[in-house]
Amino acid sequence: MTLKAPKKPIDFSKVEELRKEMMLTIENMASLFGVTRATYHFWLKGKPLRPSNDEYVRVMLKKLLTAYMEHSWPSPEVRAMDSKQRKERLDVL
């Protein structure tokens, strides 16, 4: 039997840094993670994620990091968009 090492908790202060760098709103992040804004705020305050949310959030964070690193998000074109347009553009990546 192999034991999995427990996953390190997600550091939401770093998630917030990424959110701001990517010019996304808290509403955008909550939508991307499939939760309410209130839940996202709870996570910012240190409330642990449910196991069912944890894996999904980790997958989405990898996608966001890929967009940021490999697609140079946000490009100058994206910077000129409003938050709704940025989220829609991000959804198609």
PDB file of N, CA and C in Angstrom:
ATOM      1  N   MET A   1       0.842  -1.175   0.000  1.00  0.00           N
ATOM      2  CA  MET A   1       0.000   0.000   0.000  1.00  0.00           C
ATOM      3  C   MET A   1       0.891   1.244   0.000  1.00  0.00           C
ATOM      4  N   THR A   2       0.589   2.163  -0.908  1.00  0.00           N
ATOM      5  CA  THR A   2       1.343   3.415  -0.951  1.00  0.00           C
ATOM      6  C   THR A   2       0.498   4.519  -0.347  1.00  0.00           C
ATOM      7  N   LEU A   3       1.140   5.328   0.440  1.00  0.00           N
ATOM      8  CA  LEU A   3       0.451   6.461   1.053  1.00  0.00           C
ATOM      9  C   LEU A   3       0.785   7.727   0.296  1.00  0.00           C
ATOM     10  N   LYS A   4      -0.240   8.513   0.040  1.00  0.00           N
ATOM     11  CA  LYS A   4      -0.021   9.801  -0.607  1.00  0.00           C
ATOM     12  C   LYS A   4       0.318  10.825   0.462  1.00  0.00           C
ATOM     13  N   ALA A   5       1.304  11.629   0.163  1.00  0.00           N
ATOM     14  CA  ALA A   5       1.627  12.723   1.077  1.00  0.00           C
ATOM     15  C   ALA A   5       0.483  13.734   1.032  1.00  0.00           C
ATOM     16  N   PRO A   6       0.126  14.297   2.169  1.00  0.00           N
ATOM     17  CA  PRO A   6      -0.948  15.298   2.144  1.00  0.00           C
ATOM     18  C   PRO A   6      -0.535  16.496   1.290  1.00  0.00           C
ATOM     19  N   LYS A   7      -1.508  17.018   0.562  1.00  0.00           N
ATOM     20  CA  LYS A   7      -1.225  18.182  -0.284  1.00  0.00           C
ATOM     21  C   LYS A   7      -1.058  19.415   0.587  1.00  0.00           C
ATOM     22  N   LYS A   8      -0.118  20.238   0.195  1.00  0.00           N
ATOM     23  CA  LYS A   8       0.096  21.503   0.874  1.00  0.00           C
ATOM     24  C   LYS A   8      -1.126  22.390   0.619  1.00  0.00           C
ATOM     25  N   PRO A   9      -1.648  23.052   1.643  1.00  0.00           N
ATOM     26  CA  PRO A   9      -2.803  23.934   1.418  1.00  0.00           C
ATOM     27  C   PRO A   9      -2.477  25.014   0.393  1.00  0.00           C
ATOM     28  N   ILE A  10      -3.477  25.424  -0.344  1.00  0.00           N
ATOM     29  CA  ILE A  10      -3.308  26.487  -1.331  1.00  0.00           C
ATOM     30  C   ILE A  10      -3.140  27.810  -0.587  1.00  0.00           C
ATOM     31  N   ASP A  11      -2.135  28.563  -0.967  1.00  0.00           N
ATOM     32  CA  ASP A  11      -1.868  29.867  -0.366  1.00  0.00           C
ATOM     33  C   ASP A  11      -2.656  30.919  -1.157  1.00  0.00           C
ATOM     34  N   PHE A  12      -3.775  31.338  -0.587  1.00  0.00           N
ATOM     35  CA  PHE A  12      -4.633  32.268  -1.317  1.00  0.00           C
ATOM     36  C   PHE A  12      -4.065  33.684  -1.388  1.00  0.00           C
ATOM     37  N   SER A  13      -3.049  33.999  -0.596  1.00  0.00           N
ATOM     38  CA  SER A  13      -2.406  35.300  -0.791  1.00  0.00           C
ATOM     39  C   SER A  13      -1.690  35.300  -2.146  1.00  0.00           C
ATOM     40  N   LYS A  14      -1.155  34.160  -2.536  1.00  0.00           N
ATOM     41  CA  LYS A  14      -0.511  34.043  -3.855  1.00  0.00           C
ATOM     42  C   LYS A  14      -1.553  33.992  -4.972  1.00  0.00           C
ATOM     43  N   VAL A  15      -2.685  33.351  -4.692  1.00  0.00           N
ATOM     44  CA  VAL A  15      -3.779  33.331  -5.672  1.00  0.00           C
ATOM     45  C   VAL A  15      -4.239  34.766  -5.927  1.00  0.00           C
ATOM     46  N   GLU A  16      -4.307  35.560  -4.861  1.00  0.00           N
ATOM     47  CA  GLU A  16      -4.711  36.963  -5.002  1.00  0.00           C
ATOM     48  C   GLU A  16      -3.690  37.751  -5.823  1.00  0.00           C
ATOM     49  N   GLU A  17      -2.420  37.495  -5.618  1.00  0.00           N
ATOM     50  CA  GLU A  17      -1.393  38.157  -6.433  1.00  0.00           C
ATOM     51  C   GLU A  17      -1.580  37.820  -7.904  1.00  0.00           C
ATOM     52  N   LEU A  18      -1.829  36.542  -8.183  1.00  0.00           N
ATOM     53  CA  LEU A  18      -2.061  36.115  -9.564  1.00  0.00           C
ATOM     54  C   LEU A  18      -3.311  36.773 -10.124  1.00  0.00           C
ATOM     55  N   ARG A  19      -4.381  36.809  -9.330  1.00  0.00           N
ATOM     56  CA  ARG A  19      -5.640  37.432  -9.776  1.00  0.00           C
ATOM     57  C   ARG A  19      -5.389  38.873 -10.186  1.00  0.00           C
ATOM     58  N   LYS A  20      -4.681  39.609  -9.345  1.00  0.00           N
ATOM     59  CA  LYS A  20      -4.424  41.022  -9.640  1.00  0.00           C
ATOM     60  C   LYS A  20      -3.530  41.189 -10.866  1.00  0.00           C
ATOM     61  N   GLU A  21      -2.500  40.368 -10.977  1.00  0.00           N
ATOM     62  CA  GLU A  21      -1.608  40.420 -12.151  1.00  0.00           C
ATOM     63  C   GLU A  21      -2.375  40.129 -13.436  1.00  0.00           C
ATOM     64  N   MET A  22      -3.349  39.227 -13.342  1.00  0.00           N
ATOM     65  CA  MET A  22      -4.108  38.845 -14.530  1.00  0.00           C
ATOM     66  C   MET A  22      -5.286  39.779 -14.794  1.00  0.00           C
ATOM     67  N   MET A  23      -5.441  40.789 -13.928  1.00  0.00           N
ATOM     68  CA  MET A  23      -6.507  41.782 -14.064  1.00  0.00           C
ATOM     69  C   MET A  23      -7.889  41.137 -14.013  1.00  0.00           C
ATOM     70  N   LEU A  24      -8.064  40.189 -13.101  1.00  0.00           N
ATOM     71  CA  LEU A  24      -9.345  39.529 -12.918  1.00  0.00           C
ATOM     72  C   LEU A  24      -9.989  40.035 -11.628  1.00  0.00           C
ATOM     73  N   THR A  25     -11.308  40.010 -11.589  1.00  0.00           N
ATOM     74  CA  THR A  25     -12.029  40.419 -10.394  1.00  0.00           C
ATOM     75  C   THR A  25     -12.237  39.209  -9.483  1.00  0.00           C
ATOM     76  N   ILE A  26     -12.622  39.488  -8.252  1.00  0.00           N
ATOM     77  CA  ILE A  26     -12.958  38.397  -7.340  1.00  0.00           C
ATOM     78  C   ILE A  26     -14.138  37.610  -7.914  1.00  0.00           C
ATOM     79  N   GLU A  27     -15.083  38.306  -8.513  1.00  0.00           N
ATOM     80  CA  GLU A  27     -16.215  37.623  -9.146  1.00  0.00           C
ATOM     81  C   GLU A  27     -15.731  36.686 -10.253  1.00  0.00           C
ATOM     82  N   ASN A  28     -14.759  37.137 -11.054  1.00  0.00           N
ATOM     83  CA  ASN A  28     -14.188  36.283 -12.097  1.00  0.00           C
ATOM     84  C   ASN A  28     -13.579  35.030 -11.495  1.00  0.00           C
ATOM     85  N   MET A  29     -12.792  35.195 -10.435  1.00  0.00           N
ATOM     86  CA  MET A  29     -12.121  34.052  -9.811  1.00  0.00           C
ATOM     87  C   MET A  29     -13.136  33.078  -9.226  1.00  0.00           C
ATOM     88  N   ALA A  30     -14.131  33.602  -8.537  1.00  0.00           N
ATOM     89  CA  ALA A  30     -15.161  32.734  -7.966  1.00  0.00           C
ATOM     90  C   ALA A  30     -15.844  31.929  -9.066  1.00  0.00           C
ATOM     91  N   SER A  31     -16.136  32.588 -10.174  1.00  0.00           N
ATOM     92  CA  SER A  31     -16.767  31.906 -11.306  1.00  0.00           C
ATOM     93  C   SER A  31     -15.851  30.824 -11.874  1.00  0.00           C
ATOM     94  N   LEU A  32     -14.580  31.158 -12.047  1.00  0.00           N
ATOM     95  CA  LEU A  32     -13.633  30.181 -12.573  1.00  0.00           C
ATOM     96  C   LEU A  32     -13.504  28.964 -11.655  1.00  0.00           C
ATOM     97  N   PHE A  33     -13.581  29.192 -10.341  1.00  0.00           N
ATOM     98  CA  PHE A  33     -13.457  28.105  -9.373  1.00  0.00           C
ATOM     99  C   PHE A  33     -14.791  27.411  -9.091  1.00  0.00           C
ATOM    100  N   GLY A  34     -15.884  27.946  -9.666  1.00  0.00           N
ATOM    101  CA  GLY A  34     -17.186  27.312  -9.498  1.00  0.00           C
ATOM    102  C   GLY A  34     -17.789  27.492  -8.116  1.00  0.00           C
ATOM    103  N   VAL A  35     -17.482  28.641  -7.486  1.00  0.00           N
ATOM    104  CA  VAL A  35     -18.007  28.919  -6.149  1.00  0.00           C
ATOM    105  C   VAL A  35     -18.572  30.330  -6.105  1.00  0.00           C
ATOM    106  N   THR A  36     -19.180  30.666  -4.977  1.00  0.00           N
ATOM    107  CA  THR A  36     -19.698  32.024  -4.799  1.00  0.00           C
ATOM    108  C   THR A  36     -18.565  32.956  -4.388  1.00  0.00           C
ATOM    109  N   ARG A  37     -18.822  34.243  -4.503  1.00  0.00           N
ATOM    110  CA  ARG A  37     -17.832  35.224  -4.034  1.00  0.00           C
ATOM    111  C   ARG A  37     -17.604  35.067  -2.536  1.00  0.00           C
ATOM    112  N   ALA A  38     -18.671  34.762  -1.802  1.00  0.00           N
ATOM    113  CA  ALA A  38     -18.541  34.580  -0.351  1.00  0.00           C
ATOM    114  C   ALA A  38     -17.584  33.438  -0.036  1.00  0.00           C
ATOM    115  N   THR A  39     -17.703  32.342  -0.768  1.00  0.00           N
ATOM    116  CA  THR A  39     -16.796  31.209  -0.552  1.00  0.00           C
ATOM    117  C   THR A  39     -15.366  31.621  -0.852  1.00  0.00           C
ATOM    118  N   TYR A  40     -15.155  32.328  -1.947  1.00  0.00           N
ATOM    119  CA  TYR A  40     -13.805  32.797  -2.284  1.00  0.00           C
ATOM    120  C   TYR A  40     -13.256  33.667  -1.154  1.00  0.00           C
ATOM    121  N   HIS A  41     -14.089  34.570  -0.612  1.00  0.00           N
ATOM    122  CA  HIS A  41     -13.648  35.422   0.494  1.00  0.00           C
ATOM    123  C   HIS A  41     -13.298  34.591   1.729  1.00  0.00           C
ATOM    124  N   PHE A  42     -14.075  33.542   1.997  1.00  0.00           N
ATOM    125  CA  PHE A  42     -13.746  32.652   3.118  1.00  0.00           C
ATOM    126  C   PHE A  42     -12.370  32.030   2.915  1.00  0.00           C
ATOM    127  N   TRP A  43     -12.086  31.603   1.695  1.00  0.00           N
ATOM    128  CA  TRP A  43     -10.773  31.017   1.399  1.00  0.00           C
ATOM    129  C   TRP A  43      -9.658  32.041   1.629  1.00  0.00           C
ATOM    130  N   LEU A  44      -9.912  33.296   1.247  1.00  0.00           N
ATOM    131  CA  LEU A  44      -8.919  34.350   1.468  1.00  0.00           C
ATOM    132  C   LEU A  44      -8.628  34.533   2.956  1.00  0.00           C
ATOM    133  N   LYS A  45      -9.648  34.288   3.762  1.00  0.00           N
ATOM    134  CA  LYS A  45      -9.496  34.437   5.213  1.00  0.00           C
ATOM    135  C   LYS A  45      -8.930  33.184   5.872  1.00  0.00           C
ATOM    136  N   GLY A  46      -8.648  32.156   5.059  1.00  0.00           N
ATOM    137  CA  GLY A  46      -8.005  30.971   5.602  1.00  0.00           C
ATOM    138  C   GLY A  46      -8.886  29.762   5.822  1.00  0.00           C
ATOM    139  N   LYS A  47     -10.164  29.858   5.470  1.00  0.00           N
ATOM    140  CA  LYS A  47     -11.030  28.694   5.619  1.00  0.00           C
ATOM    141  C   LYS A  47     -10.567  27.604   4.647  1.00  0.00           C
ATOM    142  N   PRO A  48     -10.446  26.368   5.103  1.00  0.00           N
ATOM    143  CA  PRO A  48      -9.972  25.313   4.206  1.00  0.00           C
ATOM    144  C   PRO A  48     -10.994  24.972   3.111  1.00  0.00           C
ATOM    145  N   LEU A  49     -10.468  24.505   2.012  1.00  0.00           N
ATOM    146  CA  LEU A  49     -11.320  24.080   0.904  1.00  0.00           C
ATOM    147  C   LEU A  49     -11.861  22.688   1.197  1.00  0.00           C
ATOM    148  N   ARG A  50     -13.053  22.433   0.734  1.00  0.00           N
ATOM    149  CA  ARG A  50     -13.589  21.078   0.785  1.00  0.00           C
ATOM    150  C   ARG A  50     -12.767  20.226  -0.176  1.00  0.00           C
ATOM    151  N   PRO A  51     -12.603  18.950   0.139  1.00  0.00           N
ATOM    152  CA  PRO A  51     -11.847  18.095  -0.791  1.00  0.00           C
ATOM    153  C   PRO A  51     -12.403  18.135  -2.214  1.00  0.00           C
ATOM    154  N   SER A  52     -13.728  18.242  -2.349  1.00  0.00           N
ATOM    155  CA  SER A  52     -14.329  18.288  -3.687  1.00  0.00           C
ATOM    156  C   SER A  52     -13.947  19.560  -4.443  1.00  0.00           C
ATOM    157  N   ASN A  53     -13.713  20.655  -3.734  1.00  0.00           N
ATOM    158  CA  ASN A  53     -13.292  21.905  -4.378  1.00  0.00           C
ATOM    159  C   ASN A  53     -11.786  21.955  -4.593  1.00  0.00           C
ATOM    160  N   ASP A  54     -11.043  21.341  -3.686  1.00  0.00           N
ATOM    161  CA  ASP A  54      -9.592  21.446  -3.709  1.00  0.00           C
ATOM    162  C   ASP A  54      -8.997  21.009  -5.048  1.00  0.00           C
ATOM    163  N   GLU A  55      -9.377  19.858  -5.518  1.00  0.00           N
ATOM    164  CA  GLU A  55      -8.798  19.349  -6.776  1.00  0.00           C
ATOM    165  C   GLU A  55      -9.176  20.243  -7.956  1.00  0.00           C
ATOM    166  N   TYR A  56     -10.435  20.678  -8.008  1.00  0.00           N
ATOM    167  CA  TYR A  56     -10.875  21.540  -9.114  1.00  0.00           C
ATOM    168  C   TYR A  56     -10.114  22.867  -9.095  1.00  0.00           C
ATOM    169  N   VAL A  57      -9.949  23.464  -7.917  1.00  0.00           N
ATOM    170  CA  VAL A  57      -9.235  24.734  -7.809  1.00  0.00           C
ATOM    171  C   VAL A  57      -7.784  24.566  -8.252  1.00  0.00           C
ATOM    172  N   ARG A  58      -7.161  23.463  -7.873  1.00  0.00           N
ATOM    173  CA  ARG A  58      -5.771  23.222  -8.287  1.00  0.00           C
ATOM    174  C   ARG A  58      -5.655  23.095  -9.802  1.00  0.00           C
ATOM    175  N   VAL A  59      -6.594  22.408 -10.426  1.00  0.00           N
ATOM    176  CA  VAL A  59      -6.588  22.271 -11.890  1.00  0.00           C
ATOM    177  C   VAL A  59      -6.766  23.651 -12.536  1.00  0.00           C
ATOM    178  N   MET A  60      -7.707  24.432 -12.012  1.00  0.00           N
ATOM    179  CA  MET A  60      -7.953  25.761 -12.585  1.00  0.00           C
ATOM    180  C   MET A  60      -6.754  26.675 -12.378  1.00  0.00           C
ATOM    181  N   LEU A  61      -6.097  26.576 -11.232  1.00  0.00           N
ATOM    182  CA  LEU A  61      -4.906  27.394 -11.005  1.00  0.00           C
ATOM    183  C   LEU A  61      -3.802  27.050 -12.004  1.00  0.00           C
ATOM    184  N   LYS A  62      -3.656  25.781 -12.325  1.00  0.00           N
ATOM    185  CA  LYS A  62      -2.665  25.386 -13.334  1.00  0.00           C
ATOM    186  C   LYS A  62      -3.004  26.010 -14.679  1.00  0.00           C
ATOM    187  N   LYS A  63      -4.283  26.028 -15.028  1.00  0.00           N
ATOM    188  CA  LYS A  63      -4.706  26.641 -16.289  1.00  0.00           C
ATOM    189  C   LYS A  63      -4.431  28.150 -16.275  1.00  0.00           C
ATOM    190  N   LEU A  64      -4.722  28.791 -15.150  1.00  0.00           N
ATOM    191  CA  LEU A  64      -4.466  30.228 -15.047  1.00  0.00           C
ATOM    192  C   LEU A  64      -2.973  30.527 -15.152  1.00  0.00           C
ATOM    193  N   LEU A  65      -2.176  29.735 -14.491  1.00  0.00           N
ATOM    194  CA  LEU A  65      -0.722  29.929 -14.576  1.00  0.00           C
ATOM    195  C   LEU A  65      -0.208  29.713 -15.995  1.00  0.00           C
ATOM    196  N   THR A  66      -0.785  28.739 -16.692  1.00  0.00           N
ATOM    197  CA  THR A  66      -0.410  28.512 -18.096  1.00  0.00           C
ATOM    198  C   THR A  66      -0.756  29.725 -18.939  1.00  0.00           C
ATOM    199  N   ALA A  67      -1.959  30.266 -18.743  1.00  0.00           N
ATOM    200  CA  ALA A  67      -2.358  31.461 -19.490  1.00  0.00           C
ATOM    201  C   ALA A  67      -1.417  32.617 -19.183  1.00  0.00           C
ATOM    202  N   TYR A  68      -1.068  32.769 -17.932  1.00  0.00           N
ATOM    203  CA  TYR A  68      -0.191  33.864 -17.507  1.00  0.00           C
ATOM    204  C   TYR A  68       1.216  33.710 -18.070  1.00  0.00           C
ATOM    205  N   MET A  69       1.761  32.520 -17.973  1.00  0.00           N
ATOM    206  CA  MET A  69       3.155  32.293 -18.369  1.00  0.00           C
ATOM    207  C   MET A  69       3.332  32.065 -19.874  1.00  0.00           C
ATOM    208  N   GLU A  70       2.508  31.207 -20.439  1.00  0.00           N
ATOM    209  CA  GLU A  70       2.713  30.803 -21.833  1.00  0.00           C
ATOM    210  C   GLU A  70       1.972  31.675 -22.845  1.00  0.00           C
ATOM    211  N   HIS A  71       0.929  32.337 -22.398  1.00  0.00           N
ATOM    212  CA  HIS A  71       0.151  33.178 -23.310  1.00  0.00           C
ATOM    213  C   HIS A  71       0.326  34.663 -22.989  1.00  0.00           C
ATOM    214  N   SER A  72       1.276  34.955 -22.090  1.00  0.00           N
ATOM    215  CA  SER A  72       1.568  36.340 -21.700  1.00  0.00           C
ATOM    216  C   SER A  72       0.309  37.112 -21.328  1.00  0.00           C
ATOM    217  N   TRP A  73      -0.502  36.478 -20.507  1.00  0.00           N
ATOM    218  CA  TRP A  73      -1.756  37.095 -20.070  1.00  0.00           C
ATOM    219  C   TRP A  73      -1.469  38.102 -18.980  1.00  0.00           C
ATOM    220  N   PRO A  74      -2.026  39.260 -19.005  1.00  0.00           N
ATOM    221  CA  PRO A  74      -2.876  39.832 -20.042  1.00  0.00           C
ATOM    222  C   PRO A  74      -2.055  40.594 -21.080  1.00  0.00           C
ATOM    223  N   SER A  75      -2.373  40.357 -22.309  1.00  0.00           N
ATOM    224  CA  SER A  75      -1.710  41.069 -23.409  1.00  0.00           C
ATOM    225  C   SER A  75      -2.216  42.517 -23.415  1.00  0.00           C
ATOM    226  N   PRO A  76      -1.550  43.394 -24.140  1.00  0.00           N
ATOM    227  CA  PRO A  76      -2.033  44.780 -24.223  1.00  0.00           C
ATOM    228  C   PRO A  76      -3.491  44.860 -24.696  1.00  0.00           C
ATOM    229  N   GLU A  77      -3.854  43.993 -25.625  1.00  0.00           N
ATOM    230  CA  GLU A  77      -5.239  43.970 -26.116  1.00  0.00           C
ATOM    231  C   GLU A  77      -6.202  43.619 -24.983  1.00  0.00           C
ATOM    232  N   VAL A  78      -5.829  42.625 -24.181  1.00  0.00           N
ATOM    233  CA  VAL A  78      -6.675  42.193 -23.068  1.00  0.00           C
ATOM    234  C   VAL A  78      -6.741  43.276 -21.989  1.00  0.00           C
ATOM    235  N   ARG A  79      -5.630  43.954 -21.760  1.00  0.00           N
ATOM    236  CA  ARG A  79      -5.607  45.024 -20.755  1.00  0.00           C
ATOM    237  C   ARG A  79      -6.634  46.110 -21.072  1.00  0.00           C
ATOM    238  N   ALA A  80      -6.896  46.339 -22.355  1.00  0.00           N
ATOM    239  CA  ALA A  80      -7.832  47.385 -22.767  1.00  0.00           C
ATOM    240  C   ALA A  80      -9.297  46.963 -22.595  1.00  0.00           C
ATOM    241  N   MET A  81      -9.549  45.706 -22.335  1.00  0.00           N
ATOM    242  CA  MET A  81     -10.920  45.196 -22.201  1.00  0.00           C
ATOM    243  C   MET A  81     -11.467  45.475 -20.802  1.00  0.00           C
ATOM    244  N   ASP A  82     -12.801  45.430 -20.692  1.00  0.00           N
ATOM    245  CA  ASP A  82     -13.386  45.499 -19.352  1.00  0.00           C
ATOM    246  C   ASP A  82     -13.335  44.108 -18.728  1.00  0.00           C
ATOM    247  N   SER A  83     -13.671  44.002 -17.458  1.00  0.00           N
ATOM    248  CA  SER A  83     -13.486  42.731 -16.739  1.00  0.00           C
ATOM    249  C   SER A  83     -14.324  41.597 -17.327  1.00  0.00           C
ATOM    250  N   LYS A  84     -15.520  41.902 -17.783  1.00  0.00           N
ATOM    251  CA  LYS A  84     -16.364  40.858 -18.376  1.00  0.00           C
ATOM    252  C   LYS A  84     -15.725  40.318 -19.658  1.00  0.00           C
ATOM    253  N   GLN A  85     -15.215  41.211 -20.497  1.00  0.00           N
ATOM    254  CA  GLN A  85     -14.564  40.798 -21.737  1.00  0.00           C
ATOM    255  C   GLN A  85     -13.297  39.988 -21.458  1.00  0.00           C
ATOM    256  N   ARG A  86     -12.517  40.414 -20.443  1.00  0.00           N
ATOM    257  CA  ARG A  86     -11.308  39.658 -20.087  1.00  0.00           C
ATOM    258  C   ARG A  86     -11.662  38.241 -19.671  1.00  0.00           C
ATOM    259  N   LYS A  87     -12.696  38.087 -18.848  1.00  0.00           N
ATOM    260  CA  LYS A  87     -13.117  36.761 -18.398  1.00  0.00           C
ATOM    261  C   LYS A  87     -13.562  35.921 -19.583  1.00  0.00           C
ATOM    262  N   GLU A  88     -14.326  36.491 -20.487  1.00  0.00           N
ATOM    263  CA  GLU A  88     -14.781  35.763 -21.672  1.00  0.00           C
ATOM    264  C   GLU A  88     -13.597  35.327 -22.530  1.00  0.00           C
ATOM    265  N   ARG A  89     -12.614  36.185 -22.694  1.00  0.00           N
ATOM    266  CA  ARG A  89     -11.422  35.852 -23.472  1.00  0.00           C
ATOM    267  C   ARG A  89     -10.645  34.739 -22.789  1.00  0.00           C
ATOM    268  N   LEU A  90     -10.553  34.799 -21.477  1.00  0.00           N
ATOM    269  CA  LEU A  90      -9.836  33.772 -20.718  1.00  0.00           C
ATOM    270  C   LEU A  90     -10.547  32.430 -20.837  1.00  0.00           C
ATOM    271  N   ASP A  91     -11.859  32.444 -20.875  1.00  0.00           N
ATOM    272  CA  ASP A  91     -12.638  31.199 -20.980  1.00  0.00           C
ATOM    273  C   ASP A  91     -12.321  30.416 -22.243  1.00  0.00           C
ATOM    274  N   VAL A  92     -11.886  31.097 -23.311  1.00  0.00           N
ATOM    275  CA  VAL A  92     -11.628  30.400 -24.571  1.00  0.00           C
ATOM    276  C   VAL A  92     -10.196  29.891 -24.677  1.00  0.00           C
ATOM    277  N   LEU A  93      -9.330  30.253 -23.733  1.00  0.00           N
ATOM    278  CA  LEU A  93      -7.950  29.745 -23.777  1.00  0.00           C
ATOM    279  C   LEU A  93      -7.893  28.275 -23.415  1.00  0.00           C
TER     280      LEU A  93
END
